[in-house]
């Protein structure tokens, strides 16, 4: 997002863009849900003469320009647990006093389980040109990369590395969960590279199934030693020669 800046409203109106700043809060006013539309709280008097190509019109008879889409970047934690984001919008409005800049703070209530590509629409919060009604503003969710987890639908994927000795003899390890908690995981099987352990209910919330979550899929990577002494090689052969 960019800081608000002064705009010459008598020229280059067609190129006017929004200026927004985003901050996460612990609470706030309820925002529109995904892919929904809110009516504008402003009313404006505008000239009906316009050279802008007609895209569509509303019940007032004024031409409505196409919506403006903005990217709303969210962390995986925010999409898992939900949060409130504040978006400061600066736009050009056609008022009784002519073209002026208006600023407003929009509230987006991020619901647990929302996915990238989810759209939140605010009706009439965009730029307004003479002869038009205000454009809509659409925020499109983008997911930031997480250092540990990868999302696959409602599931989360986590890779952990263990030494060869633990892969052969079994182990109990501590794994991270999304949100910062830890969990103990015991594996008694012989672990081959790519071995997977599925932990039910530790994935992403299912936005359309209240209370239900996907799975956490833990994939094991096995770290092999880079060198062995002759004695160690002999011991390994002695131990494993009858195993395969």
Protein backbone atom coordinates (compact mmCIF):
# COMPACT_ATOMS: atom_id res chain seq x y z
CA UNK A 1 0.00 0.00 0.00
CA UNK A 2 1.12 3.55 -0.63
CA UNK A 3 0.98 6.67 1.48
CA UNK A 4 -1.70 9.25 0.65
CA UNK A 5 -0.48 12.00 -1.67
CA UNK A 6 -1.77 15.19 -3.24
CA UNK A 7 -3.45 14.86 -6.60
CA UNK A 8 -4.15 17.54 -9.21
CA UNK A 9 -7.87 16.85 -9.56
CA UNK A 10 -8.32 18.99 -12.66
CA UNK A 11 -6.07 16.79 -14.78
CA UNK A 12 -5.31 13.10 -15.26
CA UNK A 13 -8.48 12.06 -13.42
CA UNK A 14 -8.63 8.87 -15.42
CA UNK A 15 -5.23 7.87 -14.04
CA UNK A 16 -6.14 8.63 -10.42
CA UNK A 17 -5.37 5.65 -8.18
CA UNK A 18 -6.21 4.81 -4.60
CA UNK A 19 -3.85 5.31 -1.72
CA UNK A 20 -4.20 2.91 1.16
CA UNK A 21 -2.47 1.92 4.38
CA UNK A 22 -3.22 -1.35 6.15
CA UNK A 23 -2.98 -2.17 9.84
CA UNK A 24 -4.14 -5.27 11.69
CA UNK A 25 -6.30 -4.68 14.76
CA UNK A 26 -7.72 -6.97 17.40
CA UNK A 27 -11.29 -5.88 16.78
CA UNK A 28 -13.45 -3.53 14.79
CA UNK A 29 -16.70 -2.87 13.01
CA UNK A 30 -18.09 -5.79 11.03
CA UNK A 31 -16.93 -5.71 7.42
CA UNK A 32 -18.46 -7.19 4.28
CA UNK A 33 -18.06 -10.92 3.88
CA UNK A 34 -16.30 -12.53 0.95
CA UNK A 35 -17.69 -11.73 -2.48
CA UNK A 36 -20.37 -9.44 -1.03
CA UNK A 37 -21.21 -5.82 -1.79
CA UNK A 38 -21.87 -2.96 0.59
CA UNK A 39 -23.72 0.23 -0.35
CA UNK A 40 -21.84 3.49 -0.13
CA UNK A 41 -22.55 5.78 2.81
CA UNK A 42 -22.00 8.86 0.68
CA UNK A 43 -24.38 10.54 -1.73
CA UNK A 44 -23.16 12.88 -4.38
CA UNK A 45 -24.53 15.25 -7.02
CA UNK A 46 -22.78 14.77 -10.30
CA UNK A 47 -23.00 16.14 -13.81
CA UNK A 48 -24.69 13.79 -16.27
CA UNK A 49 -22.41 14.82 -19.12
CA UNK A 50 -19.45 12.53 -19.55
CA UNK A 51 -17.05 11.43 -22.27
CA UNK A 52 -16.23 8.24 -20.35
CA UNK A 53 -17.31 5.08 -22.22
CA UNK A 54 -20.42 3.56 -20.69
CA UNK A 55 -19.71 0.29 -18.90
CA UNK A 56 -22.97 -0.13 -16.96
CA UNK A 57 -25.47 2.03 -15.12
CA UNK A 58 -27.30 1.88 -11.81
CA UNK A 59 -30.86 2.71 -10.79
CA UNK A 60 -30.05 6.43 -10.63
CA UNK A 61 -29.32 6.46 -14.36
CA UNK A 62 -25.69 7.49 -13.81
CA UNK A 63 -22.95 5.61 -15.57
CA UNK A 64 -20.95 3.40 -13.23
CA UNK A 65 -17.29 2.83 -14.12
CA UNK A 66 -15.70 -0.60 -13.76
CA UNK A 67 -14.50 -1.52 -10.26
CA UNK A 68 -10.96 -1.04 -9.06
CA UNK A 69 -9.20 -4.14 -7.73
CA UNK A 70 -6.56 -3.95 -5.02
CA UNK A 71 -4.45 -6.76 -3.56
CA UNK A 72 -4.89 -7.50 0.14
CA UNK A 73 -1.86 -9.45 1.35
CA UNK A 74 -2.54 -11.76 4.29
CA UNK A 75 -0.34 -14.11 6.28
CA UNK A 76 -1.23 -17.77 6.64
CA UNK A 77 -1.89 -17.14 10.35
CA UNK A 78 -4.37 -14.37 9.49
CA UNK A 79 -6.19 -16.64 7.05
CA UNK A 80 -6.25 -19.44 9.63
CA UNK A 81 -7.43 -17.54 12.69
CA UNK A 82 -9.06 -14.47 11.14
CA UNK A 83 -8.33 -10.83 11.92
CA UNK A 84 -9.52 -7.29 11.26
CA UNK A 85 -7.71 -5.13 8.74
CA UNK A 86 -8.14 -1.39 8.23
CA UNK A 87 -7.79 0.03 4.73
CA UNK A 88 -7.41 3.79 4.31
CA UNK A 89 -8.88 4.84 0.97
CA UNK A 90 -8.24 8.19 -0.72
CA UNK A 91 -10.34 8.85 -3.81
CA UNK A 92 -11.61 11.59 -6.11
CA UNK A 93 -15.26 12.52 -5.54
CA UNK A 94 -17.56 14.74 -7.60
CA UNK A 95 -19.31 16.99 -5.05
CA UNK A 96 -21.31 20.25 -5.13
CA UNK A 97 -17.96 22.02 -4.77
CA UNK A 98 -16.42 20.22 -7.72
CA UNK A 99 -13.82 17.49 -7.71
CA UNK A 100 -12.35 16.93 -4.27
CA UNK A 101 -10.33 14.30 -2.49
CA UNK A 102 -12.03 12.26 0.21
CA UNK A 103 -10.46 9.86 2.66
CA UNK A 104 -12.19 7.00 4.45
CA UNK A 105 -11.12 3.99 6.51
CA UNK A 106 -12.68 0.70 5.44
CA UNK A 107 -12.91 -2.28 7.79
CA UNK A 108 -12.37 -5.82 6.53
CA UNK A 109 -13.20 -8.67 8.89
CA UNK A 110 -11.11 -11.57 7.66
CA UNK A 111 -12.91 -14.86 8.33
CA UNK A 112 -10.97 -18.01 9.34
CA UNK A 113 -10.41 -20.28 6.36
CA UNK A 114 -10.63 -17.70 3.59
CA UNK A 115 -8.41 -18.51 0.63
CA UNK A 116 -6.32 -16.54 -1.81
CA UNK A 117 -8.49 -15.08 -4.55
CA UNK A 118 -11.38 -14.33 -2.18
CA UNK A 119 -12.91 -10.95 -3.12
CA UNK A 120 -14.36 -8.35 -0.75
CA UNK A 121 -16.37 -5.61 -2.47
CA UNK A 122 -17.14 -2.13 -1.13
CA UNK A 123 -19.80 -0.48 -3.28
CA UNK A 124 -19.29 3.15 -4.25
CA UNK A 125 -15.97 3.62 -2.47
CA UNK A 126 -13.91 4.25 -5.60
CA UNK A 127 -13.17 7.26 -7.79
CA UNK A 128 -16.01 9.31 -9.28
CA UNK A 129 -15.86 11.19 -12.55
CA UNK A 130 -18.33 13.80 -13.84
CA UNK A 131 -21.43 12.06 -15.12
CA UNK A 132 -20.76 8.85 -13.22
CA UNK A 133 -21.61 7.26 -9.93
CA UNK A 134 -18.70 6.17 -7.72
CA UNK A 135 -16.84 3.03 -8.73
CA UNK A 136 -16.72 -0.02 -6.49
CA UNK A 137 -13.53 -1.12 -4.76
CA UNK A 138 -12.67 -4.81 -4.67
CA UNK A 139 -9.96 -6.23 -2.42
CA UNK A 140 -8.52 -9.55 -3.60
CA UNK A 141 -6.82 -11.71 -0.99
CA UNK A 142 -3.25 -12.82 -1.68
CA UNK A 143 -1.46 -15.29 0.58
CA UNK A 144 2.04 -14.49 1.82
CA UNK A 145 4.57 -17.32 1.82
CA UNK A 146 5.03 -18.96 5.24
CA UNK A 147 8.56 -20.05 6.27
CA UNK A 148 7.40 -23.48 7.52
CA UNK A 149 3.95 -24.35 6.21
CA UNK A 150 2.46 -24.70 2.75
CA UNK A 151 -1.27 -24.62 2.20
CA UNK A 152 -3.02 -27.12 -0.06
CA UNK A 153 -6.74 -26.38 0.05
CA UNK A 154 -7.84 -27.03 3.63
CA UNK A 155 -4.69 -28.99 4.46
CA UNK A 156 -1.34 -27.74 5.69
CA UNK A 157 1.97 -29.34 4.74
CA UNK A 158 5.07 -29.34 6.94
CA UNK A 159 8.48 -30.86 6.20
CA UNK A 160 10.74 -32.05 9.05
CA UNK A 161 14.23 -33.48 8.87
CA UNK A 162 15.48 -36.29 11.12
CA UNK A 163 18.84 -38.12 11.24
CA UNK A 164 19.18 -41.58 9.74
CA UNK A 165 19.49 -43.28 13.13
CA UNK A 166 16.05 -41.98 14.17
CA UNK A 167 14.59 -42.93 10.82
CA UNK A 168 15.72 -46.53 11.40
CA UNK A 169 14.89 -46.86 15.09
CA UNK A 170 11.78 -44.70 15.51
CA UNK A 171 11.55 -41.37 17.27
CA UNK A 172 9.47 -38.83 19.12
CA UNK A 173 9.83 -35.30 17.81
CA UNK A 174 8.34 -31.90 18.61
CA UNK A 175 6.69 -30.19 15.67
CA UNK A 176 5.43 -26.65 15.25
CA UNK A 177 1.76 -25.91 14.70
CA UNK A 178 0.43 -22.86 12.91
CA UNK A 179 0.00 -20.16 15.55
CA UNK A 180 3.14 -21.00 17.53
CA UNK A 181 2.06 -24.01 19.58
CA UNK A 182 4.04 -27.25 19.60
CA UNK A 183 2.97 -30.87 19.47
CA UNK A 184 4.71 -34.15 20.28
CA UNK A 185 4.68 -36.71 17.47
CA UNK A 186 5.80 -40.33 17.91
CA UNK A 187 6.66 -42.56 14.95
CA UNK A 188 7.53 -46.22 15.49
CA UNK A 189 7.74 -47.13 11.81
CA UNK A 190 10.96 -47.20 9.84
CA UNK A 191 10.94 -43.82 8.15
CA UNK A 192 11.90 -43.62 4.50
CA UNK A 193 12.54 -40.27 2.78
CA UNK A 194 9.13 -38.84 1.88
CA UNK A 195 7.30 -40.76 4.63
CA UNK A 196 4.12 -38.92 5.64
CA UNK A 197 2.23 -38.70 8.90
CA UNK A 198 -1.25 -37.17 8.86
CA UNK A 199 -2.51 -35.28 11.90
CA UNK A 200 -6.26 -34.83 11.65
CA UNK A 201 -7.83 -31.48 12.47
CA UNK A 202 -4.62 -29.44 12.52
CA UNK A 203 -5.01 -27.91 9.07
CA UNK A 204 -6.88 -24.80 7.94
CA UNK A 205 -10.45 -24.04 9.06
CA UNK A 206 -13.12 -24.98 6.54
CA UNK A 207 -14.88 -21.66 6.01
CA UNK A 208 -18.17 -23.33 5.03
CA UNK A 209 -18.05 -25.98 7.77
CA UNK A 210 -18.09 -24.25 11.12
CA UNK A 211 -15.63 -25.85 13.55
CA UNK A 212 -14.13 -28.30 11.05
CA UNK A 213 -10.52 -28.15 9.92
CA UNK A 214 -8.35 -29.88 7.39
CA UNK A 215 -5.32 -32.02 8.19
CA UNK A 216 -1.66 -31.34 8.85
CA UNK A 217 0.51 -33.52 6.62
CA UNK A 218 4.02 -33.99 8.01
CA UNK A 219 6.59 -35.14 5.45
CA UNK A 220 9.86 -36.56 6.75
CA UNK A 221 13.23 -35.83 5.20
CA UNK A 222 16.06 -38.16 6.24
CA UNK A 223 19.54 -36.73 6.77
CA UNK A 224 22.19 -39.27 5.80
CA UNK A 225 25.75 -39.10 7.16
CA UNK A 226 28.28 -37.58 4.79
CA UNK A 227 31.07 -39.97 5.79
CA UNK A 228 31.70 -43.16 7.78
CA UNK A 229 34.86 -44.73 9.11
CA UNK A 230 35.82 -48.22 7.99
CA UNK A 231 34.79 -49.54 11.38
CA UNK A 232 31.39 -47.85 11.13
CA UNK A 233 30.88 -49.23 7.64
CA UNK A 234 31.68 -52.69 8.89
CA UNK A 235 29.21 -52.30 11.75
CA UNK A 236 26.46 -51.11 9.41
CA UNK A 237 27.01 -54.07 7.10
CA UNK A 238 26.98 -56.45 10.05
CA UNK A 239 23.71 -55.03 11.37
CA UNK A 240 21.82 -54.54 8.14
CA UNK A 241 23.03 -57.28 5.83
CA UNK A 242 20.15 -59.59 6.75
CA UNK A 243 17.46 -56.86 6.76
CA UNK A 244 16.87 -56.64 3.04
